[in-house]
PDB file of N, CA and C in Angstrom:
ATOM      1  N   MET A   1     -46.574  61.791-144.741  1.00  0.00           N
ATOM      2  CA  MET A   1     -47.039  60.601-144.081  1.00  0.00           C
ATOM      3  C   MET A   1     -46.722  59.412-144.974  1.00  0.00           C
ATOM      4  N   ASP A   2     -46.187  58.326-144.376  1.00  0.00           N
ATOM      5  CA  ASP A   2     -45.903  57.104-145.119  1.00  0.00           C
ATOM      6  C   ASP A   2     -47.199  56.435-145.542  1.00  0.00           C
ATOM      7  N   ALA A   3     -47.144  55.636-146.598  1.00  0.00           N
ATOM      8  CA  ALA A   3     -48.341  54.948-147.100  1.00  0.00           C
ATOM      9  C   ALA A   3     -48.965  54.047-146.047  1.00  0.00           C
ATOM     10  N   GLY A   4     -48.146  53.435-145.175  1.00  0.00           N
ATOM     11  CA  GLY A   4     -48.663  52.532-144.161  1.00  0.00           C
ATOM     12  C   GLY A   4     -49.063  53.220-142.870  1.00  0.00           C
ATOM     13  N   GLU A   5     -48.781  54.505-142.750  1.00  0.00           N
ATOM     14  CA  GLU A   5     -49.068  55.249-141.524  1.00  0.00           C
ATOM     15  C   GLU A   5     -50.557  55.571-141.435  1.00  0.00           C
ATOM     16  N   ILE A   6     -51.097  55.423-140.234  1.00  0.00           N
ATOM     17  CA  ILE A   6     -52.514  55.696-140.002  1.00  0.00           C
ATOM     18  C   ILE A   6     -52.613  56.895-139.081  1.00  0.00           C
ATOM     19  N   SER A   7     -53.432  57.855-139.432  1.00  0.00           N
ATOM     20  CA  SER A   7     -53.562  59.049-138.607  1.00  0.00           C
ATOM     21  C   SER A   7     -55.004  59.244-138.159  1.00  0.00           C
ATOM     22  N   VAL A   8     -55.152  59.972-137.060  1.00  0.00           N
ATOM     23  CA  VAL A   8     -56.468  60.297-136.528  1.00  0.00           C
ATOM     24  C   VAL A   8     -56.868  61.659-137.083  1.00  0.00           C
ATOM     25  N   TYR A   9     -58.104  61.791-137.539  1.00  0.00           N
ATOM     26  CA  TYR A   9     -58.587  63.062-138.035  1.00  0.00           C
ATOM     27  C   TYR A   9     -59.981  63.327-137.505  1.00  0.00           C
ATOM     28  N   ARG A  10     -60.457  64.531-137.670  1.00  0.00           N
ATOM     29  CA  ARG A  10     -61.778  64.923-137.191  1.00  0.00           C
ATOM     30  C   ARG A  10     -62.867  64.147-137.936  1.00  0.00           C
ATOM     31  N   VAL A  11     -63.878  63.713-137.177  1.00  0.00           N
ATOM     32  CA  VAL A  11     -64.952  62.938-137.779  1.00  0.00           C
ATOM     33  C   VAL A  11     -66.299  63.568-137.459  1.00  0.00           C
ATOM     34  N   ALA A  12     -67.257  63.403-138.368  1.00  0.00           N
ATOM     35  CA  ALA A  12     -68.585  63.975-138.140  1.00  0.00           C
ATOM     36  C   ALA A  12     -69.661  63.195-138.866  1.00  0.00           C
ATOM     37  N   GLY A  13     -69.365  61.961-139.260  1.00  0.00           N
ATOM     38  CA  GLY A  13     -70.306  61.203-140.063  1.00  0.00           C
ATOM     39  C   GLY A  13     -71.233  60.320-139.259  1.00  0.00           C
ATOM     40  N   LYS A  14     -71.795  59.359-139.956  1.00  0.00           N
ATOM     41  CA  LYS A  14     -72.719  58.408-139.345  1.00  0.00           C
ATOM     42  C   LYS A  14     -72.196  57.000-139.571  1.00  0.00           C
ATOM     43  N   ALA A  15     -72.632  56.098-138.685  1.00  0.00           N
ATOM     44  CA  ALA A  15     -72.230  54.699-138.781  1.00  0.00           C
ATOM     45  C   ALA A  15     -73.405  53.812-138.397  1.00  0.00           C
ATOM     46  N   TYR A  16     -73.432  52.631-139.005  1.00  0.00           N
ATOM     47  CA  TYR A  16     -74.406  51.617-138.608  1.00  0.00           C
ATOM     48  C   TYR A  16     -73.820  50.806-137.462  1.00  0.00           C
ATOM     49  N   VAL A  17     -74.662  50.510-136.483  1.00  0.00           N
ATOM     50  CA  VAL A  17     -74.251  49.709-135.333  1.00  0.00           C
ATOM     51  C   VAL A  17     -75.291  48.616-135.125  1.00  0.00           C
ATOM     52  N   LYS A  18     -74.816  47.374-135.015  1.00  0.00           N
ATOM     53  CA  LYS A  18     -75.721  46.272-134.726  1.00  0.00           C
ATOM     54  C   LYS A  18     -75.121  45.444-133.593  1.00  0.00           C
ATOM     55  N   VAL A  19     -75.944  45.184-132.580  1.00  0.00           N
ATOM     56  CA  VAL A  19     -75.516  44.422-131.410  1.00  0.00           C
ATOM     57  C   VAL A  19     -76.037  42.995-131.547  1.00  0.00           C
ATOM     58  N   HIS A  20     -75.115  42.044-131.426  1.00  0.00           N
ATOM     59  CA  HIS A  20     -75.444  40.618-131.487  1.00  0.00           C
ATOM     60  C   HIS A  20     -75.163  40.021-130.111  1.00  0.00           C
ATOM     61  N   ARG A  21     -76.124  39.271-129.576  1.00  0.00           N
ATOM     62  CA  ARG A  21     -75.934  38.615-128.286  1.00  0.00           C
ATOM     63  C   ARG A  21     -76.103  37.108-128.455  1.00  0.00           C
ATOM     64  N   SER A  22     -75.155  36.359-127.876  1.00  0.00           N
ATOM     65  CA  SER A  22     -75.217  34.904-127.971  1.00  0.00           C
ATOM     66  C   SER A  22     -74.381  34.289-126.851  1.00  0.00           C
ATOM     67  N   GLY A  23     -74.982  33.398-126.099  1.00  0.00           N
ATOM     68  CA  GLY A  23     -74.248  32.671-125.068  1.00  0.00           C
ATOM     69  C   GLY A  23     -73.510  33.549-124.085  1.00  0.00           C
ATOM     70  N   GLY A  24     -74.093  34.643-123.685  1.00  0.00           N
ATOM     71  CA  GLY A  24     -73.447  35.538-122.731  1.00  0.00           C
ATOM     72  C   GLY A  24     -72.438  36.495-123.338  1.00  0.00           C
ATOM     73  N   GLU A  25     -72.230  36.405-124.629  1.00  0.00           N
ATOM     74  CA  GLU A  25     -71.300  37.296-125.319  1.00  0.00           C
ATOM     75  C   GLU A  25     -72.073  38.395-126.039  1.00  0.00           C
ATOM     76  N   THR A  26     -71.464  39.569-126.118  1.00  0.00           N
ATOM     77  CA  THR A  26     -72.047  40.685-126.852  1.00  0.00           C
ATOM     78  C   THR A  26     -71.054  41.122-127.917  1.00  0.00           C
ATOM     79  N   ILE A  27     -71.440  40.943-129.167  1.00  0.00           N
ATOM     80  CA  ILE A  27     -70.597  41.332-130.296  1.00  0.00           C
ATOM     81  C   ILE A  27     -71.251  42.533-130.967  1.00  0.00           C
ATOM     82  N   VAL A  28     -70.474  43.582-131.149  1.00  0.00           N
ATOM     83  CA  VAL A  28     -70.990  44.799-131.769  1.00  0.00           C
ATOM     84  C   VAL A  28     -70.317  44.972-133.127  1.00  0.00           C
ATOM     85  N   ALA A  29     -71.142  45.081-134.160  1.00  0.00           N
ATOM     86  CA  ALA A  29     -70.666  45.284-135.523  1.00  0.00           C
ATOM     87  C   ALA A  29     -70.924  46.733-135.914  1.00  0.00           C
ATOM     88  N   VAL A  30     -69.892  47.399-136.426  1.00  0.00           N
ATOM     89  CA  VAL A  30     -69.982  48.823-136.764  1.00  0.00           C
ATOM     90  C   VAL A  30     -69.376  49.048-138.148  1.00  0.00           C
ATOM     91  N   CYS A  31     -70.042  49.872-138.953  1.00  0.00           N
ATOM     92  CA  CYS A  31     -69.443  50.290-140.218  1.00  0.00           C
ATOM     93  C   CYS A  31     -69.902  51.702-140.551  1.00  0.00           C
ATOM     94  N   ASP A  32     -69.021  52.448-141.212  1.00  0.00           N
ATOM     95  CA  ASP A  32     -69.396  53.770-141.707  1.00  0.00           C
ATOM     96  C   ASP A  32     -70.613  53.632-142.619  1.00  0.00           C
ATOM     97  N   GLU A  33     -71.445  54.636-142.624  1.00  0.00           N
ATOM     98  CA  GLU A  33     -72.708  54.610-143.364  1.00  0.00           C
ATOM     99  C   GLU A  33     -72.538  54.176-144.819  1.00  0.00           C
ATOM    100  N   GLU A  34     -71.549  54.713-145.507  1.00  0.00           N
ATOM    101  CA  GLU A  34     -71.401  54.436-146.940  1.00  0.00           C
ATOM    102  C   GLU A  34     -70.833  53.051-147.240  1.00  0.00           C
ATOM    103  N   LEU A  35     -70.377  52.326-146.221  1.00  0.00           N
ATOM    104  CA  LEU A  35     -69.798  51.001-146.446  1.00  0.00           C
ATOM    105  C   LEU A  35     -70.825  49.873-146.434  1.00  0.00           C
ATOM    106  N   LEU A  36     -71.994  50.111-145.871  1.00  0.00           N
ATOM    107  CA  LEU A  36     -72.997  49.054-145.751  1.00  0.00           C
ATOM    108  C   LEU A  36     -73.355  48.485-147.125  1.00  0.00           C
ATOM    109  N   GLY A  37     -73.226  47.166-147.258  1.00  0.00           N
ATOM    110  CA  GLY A  37     -73.539  46.495-148.504  1.00  0.00           C
ATOM    111  C   GLY A  37     -72.378  46.403-149.483  1.00  0.00           C
ATOM    112  N   ARG A  38     -71.264  47.051-149.176  1.00  0.00           N
ATOM    113  CA  ARG A  38     -70.112  47.041-150.086  1.00  0.00           C
ATOM    114  C   ARG A  38     -69.212  45.833-149.856  1.00  0.00           C
ATOM    115  N   GLU A  39     -68.414  45.539-150.853  1.00  0.00           N
ATOM    116  CA  GLU A  39     -67.379  44.519-150.723  1.00  0.00           C
ATOM    117  C   GLU A  39     -66.023  45.207-150.774  1.00  0.00           C
ATOM    118  N   LEU A  40     -65.170  44.877-149.820  1.00  0.00           N
ATOM    119  CA  LEU A  40     -63.808  45.420-149.780  1.00  0.00           C
ATOM    120  C   LEU A  40     -62.856  44.323-150.230  1.00  0.00           C
ATOM    121  N   ARG A  41     -61.832  44.701-150.971  1.00  0.00           N
ATOM    122  CA  ARG A  41     -60.850  43.733-151.459  1.00  0.00           C
ATOM    123  C   ARG A  41     -59.457  44.173-151.050  1.00  0.00           C
ATOM    124  N   GLU A  42     -58.693  43.196-150.614  1.00  0.00           N
ATOM    125  CA  GLU A  42     -57.287  43.411-150.266  1.00  0.00           C
ATOM    126  C   GLU A  42     -56.541  42.167-150.726  1.00  0.00           C
ATOM    127  N   GLY A  43     -55.905  42.258-151.894  1.00  0.00           N
ATOM    128  CA  GLY A  43     -55.272  41.080-152.475  1.00  0.00           C
ATOM    129  C   GLY A  43     -56.343  40.037-152.779  1.00  0.00           C
ATOM    130  N   LYS A  44     -56.154  38.821-152.277  1.00  0.00           N
ATOM    131  CA  LYS A  44     -57.137  37.753-152.487  1.00  0.00           C
ATOM    132  C   LYS A  44     -58.263  37.799-151.463  1.00  0.00           C
ATOM    133  N   LEU A  45     -58.117  38.612-150.452  1.00  0.00           N
ATOM    134  CA  LEU A  45     -59.127  38.728-149.393  1.00  0.00           C
ATOM    135  C   LEU A  45     -60.296  39.586-149.861  1.00  0.00           C
ATOM    136  N   ARG A  46     -61.510  39.084-149.646  1.00  0.00           N
ATOM    137  CA  ARG A  46     -62.736  39.832-149.942  1.00  0.00           C
ATOM    138  C   ARG A  46     -63.586  39.863-148.687  1.00  0.00           C
ATOM    139  N   ILE A  47     -64.034  41.033-148.334  1.00  0.00           N
ATOM    140  CA  ILE A  47     -64.859  41.200-147.139  1.00  0.00           C
ATOM    141  C   ILE A  47     -66.147  41.899-147.542  1.00  0.00           C
ATOM    142  N   HIS A  48     -67.264  41.256-147.251  1.00  0.00           N
ATOM    143  CA  HIS A  48     -68.566  41.836-147.568  1.00  0.00           C
ATOM    144  C   HIS A  48     -69.128  42.469-146.301  1.00  0.00           C
ATOM    145  N   ILE A  49     -69.408  43.751-146.348  1.00  0.00           N
ATOM    146  CA  ILE A  49     -69.994  44.472-145.212  1.00  0.00           C
ATOM    147  C   ILE A  49     -71.508  44.289-145.335  1.00  0.00           C
ATOM    148  N   SER A  50     -71.984  43.156-144.839  1.00  0.00           N
ATOM    149  CA  SER A  50     -73.375  42.761-145.068  1.00  0.00           C
ATOM    150  C   SER A  50     -74.372  43.517-144.201  1.00  0.00           C
ATOM    151  N   ARG A  51     -75.545  43.708-144.775  1.00  0.00           N
ATOM    152  CA  ARG A  51     -76.649  44.341-144.041  1.00  0.00           C
ATOM    153  C   ARG A  51     -77.074  43.472-142.856  1.00  0.00           C
ATOM    154  N   GLU A  52     -76.990  42.150-143.034  1.00  0.00           N
ATOM    155  CA  GLU A  52     -77.416  41.245-141.971  1.00  0.00           C
ATOM    156  C   GLU A  52     -76.555  41.384-140.723  1.00  0.00           C
ATOM    157  N   PHE A  53     -75.255  41.541-140.900  1.00  0.00           N
ATOM    158  CA  PHE A  53     -74.354  41.610-139.745  1.00  0.00           C
ATOM    159  C   PHE A  53     -74.150  43.039-139.239  1.00  0.00           C
ATOM    160  N   TYR A  54     -74.027  44.007-140.136  1.00  0.00           N
ATOM    161  CA  TYR A  54     -73.701  45.384-139.759  1.00  0.00           C
ATOM    162  C   TYR A  54     -74.896  46.330-139.755  1.00  0.00           C
ATOM    163  N   GLY A  55     -75.963  46.001-140.457  1.00  0.00           N
ATOM    164  CA  GLY A  55     -77.068  46.937-140.677  1.00  0.00           C
ATOM    165  C   GLY A  55     -78.026  47.058-139.518  1.00  0.00           C
ATOM    166  N   GLY A  56     -77.621  47.733-138.488  1.00  0.00           N
ATOM    167  CA  GLY A  56     -78.498  47.971-137.343  1.00  0.00           C
ATOM    168  C   GLY A  56     -79.026  49.386-137.363  1.00  0.00           C
ATOM    169  N   VAL A  57     -78.785  50.105-136.283  1.00  0.00           N
ATOM    170  CA  VAL A  57     -79.243  51.495-136.185  1.00  0.00           C
ATOM    171  C   VAL A  57     -78.177  52.427-136.745  1.00  0.00           C
ATOM    172  N   LEU A  58     -78.619  53.530-137.330  1.00  0.00           N
ATOM    173  CA  LEU A  58     -77.715  54.544-137.866  1.00  0.00           C
ATOM    174  C   LEU A  58     -77.531  55.617-136.800  1.00  0.00           C
ATOM    175  N   VAL A  59     -76.275  55.835-136.375  1.00  0.00           N
ATOM    176  CA  VAL A  59     -75.977  56.784-135.304  1.00  0.00           C
ATOM    177  C   VAL A  59     -74.854  57.715-135.732  1.00  0.00           C
ATOM    178  N   ASP A  60     -74.696  58.835-135.022  1.00  0.00           N
ATOM    179  CA  ASP A  60     -73.518  59.678-135.220  1.00  0.00           C
ATOM    180  C   ASP A  60     -72.299  58.876-134.781  1.00  0.00           C
ATOM    181  N   VAL A  61     -71.188  58.990-135.505  1.00  0.00           N
ATOM    182  CA  VAL A  61     -70.011  58.188-135.166  1.00  0.00           C
ATOM    183  C   VAL A  61     -69.519  58.448-133.753  1.00  0.00           C
ATOM    184  N   ASP A  62     -69.765  59.632-133.230  1.00  0.00           N
ATOM    185  CA  ASP A  62     -69.337  59.930-131.863  1.00  0.00           C
ATOM    186  C   ASP A  62     -70.131  59.152-130.818  1.00  0.00           C
ATOM    187  N   GLU A  63     -71.216  58.489-131.210  1.00  0.00           N
ATOM    188  CA  GLU A  63     -72.013  57.675-130.288  1.00  0.00           C
ATOM    189  C   GLU A  63     -71.606  56.208-130.294  1.00  0.00           C
ATOM    190  N   VAL A  64     -70.756  55.808-131.214  1.00  0.00           N
ATOM    191  CA  VAL A  64     -70.397  54.399-131.363  1.00  0.00           C
ATOM    192  C   VAL A  64     -69.827  53.825-130.072  1.00  0.00           C
ATOM    193  N   TYR A  65     -69.002  54.597-129.370  1.00  0.00           N
ATOM    194  CA  TYR A  65     -68.367  54.087-128.151  1.00  0.00           C
ATOM    195  C   TYR A  65     -69.387  53.625-127.116  1.00  0.00           C
ATOM    196  N   THR A  66     -70.580  54.226-127.082  1.00  0.00           N
ATOM    197  CA  THR A  66     -71.575  53.829-126.082  1.00  0.00           C
ATOM    198  C   THR A  66     -72.060  52.404-126.321  1.00  0.00           C
ATOM    199  N   TYR A  67     -71.965  51.943-127.556  1.00  0.00           N
ATOM    200  CA  TYR A  67     -72.382  50.582-127.884  1.00  0.00           C
ATOM    201  C   TYR A  67     -71.285  49.563-127.593  1.00  0.00           C
ATOM    202  N   ILE A  68     -70.022  49.967-127.746  1.00  0.00           N
ATOM    203  CA  ILE A  68     -68.951  48.993-127.595  1.00  0.00           C
ATOM    204  C   ILE A  68     -68.348  48.933-126.200  1.00  0.00           C
ATOM    205  N   ARG A  69     -68.632  49.889-125.352  1.00  0.00           N
ATOM    206  CA  ARG A  69     -67.943  49.919-124.054  1.00  0.00           C
ATOM    207  C   ARG A  69     -68.213  48.698-123.190  1.00  0.00           C
ATOM    208  N   ASN A  70     -69.324  48.026-123.364  1.00  0.00           N
ATOM    209  CA  ASN A  70     -69.610  46.816-122.594  1.00  0.00           C
ATOM    210  C   ASN A  70     -69.614  45.555-123.451  1.00  0.00           C
ATOM    211  N   ALA A  71     -69.170  45.659-124.678  1.00  0.00           N
ATOM    212  CA  ALA A  71     -69.149  44.509-125.583  1.00  0.00           C
ATOM    213  C   ALA A  71     -67.989  43.581-125.239  1.00  0.00           C
ATOM    214  N   THR A  72     -68.154  42.302-125.532  1.00  0.00           N
ATOM    215  CA  THR A  72     -67.039  41.377-125.385  1.00  0.00           C
ATOM    216  C   THR A  72     -66.158  41.401-126.632  1.00  0.00           C
ATOM    217  N   MET A  73     -66.739  41.830-127.753  1.00  0.00           N
ATOM    218  CA  MET A  73     -65.978  41.981-128.985  1.00  0.00           C
ATOM    219  C   MET A  73     -66.651  43.019-129.868  1.00  0.00           C
ATOM    220  N   ALA A  74     -65.840  43.794-130.581  1.00  0.00           N
ATOM    221  CA  ALA A  74     -66.380  44.751-131.555  1.00  0.00           C
ATOM    222  C   ALA A  74     -65.603  44.595-132.852  1.00  0.00           C
ATOM    223  N   ASN A  75     -66.314  44.658-133.961  1.00  0.00           N
ATOM    224  CA  ASN A  75     -65.742  44.569-135.291  1.00  0.00           C
ATOM    225  C   ASN A  75     -66.127  45.868-135.996  1.00  0.00           C
ATOM    226  N   VAL A  76     -65.139  46.724-136.274  1.00  0.00           N
ATOM    227  CA  VAL A  76     -65.405  48.085-136.745  1.00  0.00           C
ATOM    228  C   VAL A  76     -64.721  48.331-138.084  1.00  0.00           C
ATOM    229  N   PHE A  77     -65.511  48.746-139.078  1.00  0.00           N
ATOM    230  CA  PHE A  77     -65.001  49.113-140.396  1.00  0.00           C
ATOM    231  C   PHE A  77     -65.340  50.572-140.679  1.00  0.00           C
ATOM    232  N   GLY A  78     -64.363  51.297-141.185  1.00  0.00           N
ATOM    233  CA  GLY A  78     -64.608  52.659-141.647  1.00  0.00           C
ATOM    234  C   GLY A  78     -63.703  53.673-140.988  1.00  0.00           C
ATOM    235  N   ASP A  79     -63.193  54.586-141.785  1.00  0.00           N
ATOM    236  CA  ASP A  79     -62.297  55.624-141.281  1.00  0.00           C
ATOM    237  C   ASP A  79     -62.964  56.472-140.202  1.00  0.00           C
ATOM    238  N   GLU A  80     -64.217  56.846-140.430  1.00  0.00           N
ATOM    239  CA  GLU A  80     -64.886  57.723-139.473  1.00  0.00           C
ATOM    240  C   GLU A  80     -65.169  57.013-138.160  1.00  0.00           C
ATOM    241  N   ALA A  81     -65.676  55.794-138.208  1.00  0.00           N
ATOM    242  CA  ALA A  81     -65.995  55.062-136.984  1.00  0.00           C
ATOM    243  C   ALA A  81     -64.729  54.750-136.183  1.00  0.00           C
ATOM    244  N   VAL A  82     -63.682  54.274-136.856  1.00  0.00           N
ATOM    245  CA  VAL A  82     -62.433  53.945-136.158  1.00  0.00           C
ATOM    246  C   VAL A  82     -61.821  55.208-135.549  1.00  0.00           C
ATOM    247  N   ASN A  83     -61.789  56.285-136.300  1.00  0.00           N
ATOM    248  CA  ASN A  83     -61.217  57.525-135.768  1.00  0.00           C
ATOM    249  C   ASN A  83     -62.035  58.100-134.621  1.00  0.00           C
ATOM    250  N   ALA A  84     -63.347  57.955-134.661  1.00  0.00           N
ATOM    251  CA  ALA A  84     -64.182  58.425-133.556  1.00  0.00           C
ATOM    252  C   ALA A  84     -63.858  57.641-132.284  1.00  0.00           C
ATOM    253  N   LEU A  85     -63.673  56.340-132.418  1.00  0.00           N
ATOM    254  CA  LEU A  85     -63.303  55.520-131.257  1.00  0.00           C
ATOM    255  C   LEU A  85     -61.907  55.877-130.759  1.00  0.00           C
ATOM    256  N   ALA A  86     -61.012  56.184-131.670  1.00  0.00           N
ATOM    257  CA  ALA A  86     -59.640  56.533-131.293  1.00  0.00           C
ATOM    258  C   ALA A  86     -59.567  57.843-130.514  1.00  0.00           C
ATOM    259  N   LYS A  87     -60.560  58.701-130.668  1.00  0.00           N
ATOM    260  CA  LYS A  87     -60.582  59.930-129.865  1.00  0.00           C
ATOM    261  C   LYS A  87     -60.724  59.585-128.386  1.00  0.00           C
ATOM    262  N   ARG A  88     -61.450  58.514-128.060  1.00  0.00           N
ATOM    263  CA  ARG A  88     -61.652  58.079-126.679  1.00  0.00           C
ATOM    264  C   ARG A  88     -60.608  57.064-126.242  1.00  0.00           C
ATOM    265  N   TYR A  89     -60.141  56.252-127.184  1.00  0.00           N
ATOM    266  CA  TYR A  89     -59.187  55.183-126.898  1.00  0.00           C
ATOM    267  C   TYR A  89     -58.008  55.300-127.872  1.00  0.00           C
ATOM    268  N   PRO A  90     -57.076  56.234-127.636  1.00  0.00           N
ATOM    269  CA  PRO A  90     -55.998  56.497-128.598  1.00  0.00           C
ATOM    270  C   PRO A  90     -55.157  55.266-128.955  1.00  0.00           C
ATOM    271  N   ALA A  91     -54.954  54.342-128.039  1.00  0.00           N
ATOM    272  CA  ALA A  91     -54.138  53.157-128.321  1.00  0.00           C
ATOM    273  C   ALA A  91     -54.781  52.255-129.365  1.00  0.00           C
ATOM    274  N   LEU A  92     -56.046  52.453-129.623  1.00  0.00           N
ATOM    275  CA  LEU A  92     -56.770  51.661-130.620  1.00  0.00           C
ATOM    276  C   LEU A  92     -56.096  51.731-131.989  1.00  0.00           C
ATOM    277  N   MET A  93     -55.509  52.860-132.322  1.00  0.00           N
ATOM    278  CA  MET A  93     -54.889  53.026-133.633  1.00  0.00           C
ATOM    279  C   MET A  93     -53.694  52.097-133.813  1.00  0.00           C
ATOM    280  N   ASP A  94     -53.102  51.618-132.713  1.00  0.00           N
ATOM    281  CA  ASP A  94     -52.002  50.662-132.812  1.00  0.00           C
ATOM    282  C   ASP A  94     -52.476  49.329-133.376  1.00  0.00           C
ATOM    283  N   ALA A  95     -53.772  49.036-133.227  1.00  0.00           N
ATOM    284  CA  ALA A  95     -54.329  47.772-133.708  1.00  0.00           C
ATOM    285  C   ALA A  95     -55.068  47.919-135.038  1.00  0.00           C
ATOM    286  N   ALA A  96     -55.253  49.136-135.506  1.00  0.00           N
ATOM    287  CA  ALA A  96     -56.011  49.378-136.739  1.00  0.00           C
ATOM    288  C   ALA A  96     -55.179  49.014-137.965  1.00  0.00           C
ATOM    289  N   VAL A  97     -55.862  48.471-138.960  1.00  0.00           N
ATOM    290  CA  VAL A  97     -55.232  48.143-140.245  1.00  0.00           C
ATOM    291  C   VAL A  97     -56.118  48.701-141.357  1.00  0.00           C
ATOM    292  N   ARG A  98     -55.559  48.753-142.545  1.00  0.00           N
ATOM    293  CA  ARG A  98     -56.350  49.146-143.716  1.00  0.00           C
ATOM    294  C   ARG A  98     -56.635  47.904-144.534  1.00  0.00           C
ATOM    295  N   LEU A  99     -57.910  47.686-144.811  1.00  0.00           N
ATOM    296  CA  LEU A  99     -58.344  46.593-145.673  1.00  0.00           C
ATOM    297  C   LEU A  99     -59.165  47.209-146.796  1.00  0.00           C
ATOM    298  N   GLY A 100     -58.733  47.012-148.010  1.00  0.00           N
ATOM    299  CA  GLY A 100     -59.431  47.615-149.145  1.00  0.00           C
ATOM    300  C   GLY A 100     -59.457  49.127-149.060  1.00  0.00           C
ATOM    301  N   GLY A 101     -58.423  49.711-148.453  1.00  0.00           N
ATOM    302  CA  GLY A 101     -58.335  51.158-148.322  1.00  0.00           C
ATOM    303  C   GLY A 101     -59.135  51.744-147.172  1.00  0.00           C
ATOM    304  N   VAL A 102     -59.748  50.891-146.353  1.00  0.00           N
ATOM    305  CA  VAL A 102     -60.630  51.333-145.277  1.00  0.00           C
ATOM    306  C   VAL A 102     -60.059  50.891-143.930  1.00  0.00           C
ATOM    307  N   LEU A 103     -60.099  51.773-142.945  1.00  0.00           N
ATOM    308  CA  LEU A 103     -59.639  51.399-141.610  1.00  0.00           C
ATOM    309  C   LEU A 103     -60.527  50.312-141.019  1.00  0.00           C
ATOM    310  N   HIS A 104     -59.886  49.364-140.332  1.00  0.00           N
ATOM    311  CA  HIS A 104     -60.594  48.268-139.669  1.00  0.00           C
ATOM    312  C   HIS A 104     -59.900  47.963-138.356  1.00  0.00           C
ATOM    313  N   VAL A 105     -60.701  47.669-137.348  1.00  0.00           N
ATOM    314  CA  VAL A 105     -60.135  47.241-136.066  1.00  0.00           C
ATOM    315  C   VAL A 105     -61.095  46.255-135.413  1.00  0.00           C
ATOM    316  N   GLN A 106     -60.511  45.282-134.726  1.00  0.00           N
ATOM    317  CA  GLN A 106     -61.292  44.377-133.895  1.00  0.00           C
ATOM    318  C   GLN A 106     -60.866  44.625-132.461  1.00  0.00           C
ATOM    319  N   ILE A 107     -61.858  44.703-131.584  1.00  0.00           N
ATOM    320  CA  ILE A 107     -61.606  44.992-130.175  1.00  0.00           C
ATOM    321  C   ILE A 107     -62.134  43.822-129.358  1.00  0.00           C
ATOM    322  N   PHE A 108     -61.297  43.334-128.454  1.00  0.00           N
ATOM    323  CA  PHE A 108     -61.692  42.239-127.576  1.00  0.00           C
ATOM    324  C   PHE A 108     -61.617  42.721-126.141  1.00  0.00           C
ATOM    325  N   ASN A 109     -62.664  42.490-125.384  1.00  0.00           N
ATOM    326  CA  ASN A 109     -62.710  42.864-123.982  1.00  0.00           C
ATOM    327  C   ASN A 109     -62.179  41.690-123.184  1.00  0.00           C
ATOM    328  N   SER A 110     -61.041  41.865-122.527  1.00  0.00           N
ATOM    329  CA  SER A 110     -60.404  40.764-121.820  1.00  0.00           C
ATOM    330  C   SER A 110     -60.703  40.751-120.326  1.00  0.00           C
ATOM    331  N   LYS A 111     -61.688  41.500-119.875  1.00  0.00           N
ATOM    332  CA  LYS A 111     -62.013  41.546-118.448  1.00  0.00           C
ATOM    333  C   LYS A 111     -62.354  40.178-117.879  1.00  0.00           C
ATOM    334  N   LYS A 112     -62.942  39.310-118.710  1.00  0.00           N
ATOM    335  CA  LYS A 112     -63.313  37.974-118.250  1.00  0.00           C
ATOM    336  C   LYS A 112     -62.116  37.030-118.180  1.00  0.00           C
ATOM    337  N   TRP A 113     -61.033  37.345-118.898  1.00  0.00           N
ATOM    338  CA  TRP A 113     -59.918  36.424-119.005  1.00  0.00           C
ATOM    339  C   TRP A 113     -59.109  36.457-117.773  1.00  0.00           C
TER     340      TRP A 113
END
């Protein structure tokens, strides 16, 4: 596998999910359990996986899709959470990137557009 290649693998972990609602929009923040509170670095970019934004309920990663299916936007960090979503939405991996060695994807629901 090339260094830039992203693959789907079996997942069985937990992830934090927090739902934010504002002005008719629903934003769902998701991160693998072990990422909460960590800072990821990619070159000059620093991303803090804050408890305030991501620290909601702790669920099995296979349940994450139930939170994002009606969201207008989802922000997902973590190999397990992204791969769990990719089991249901395989094309998602085309949009996934690695930041600080961790899979990340943003999902936008364009039904309103």
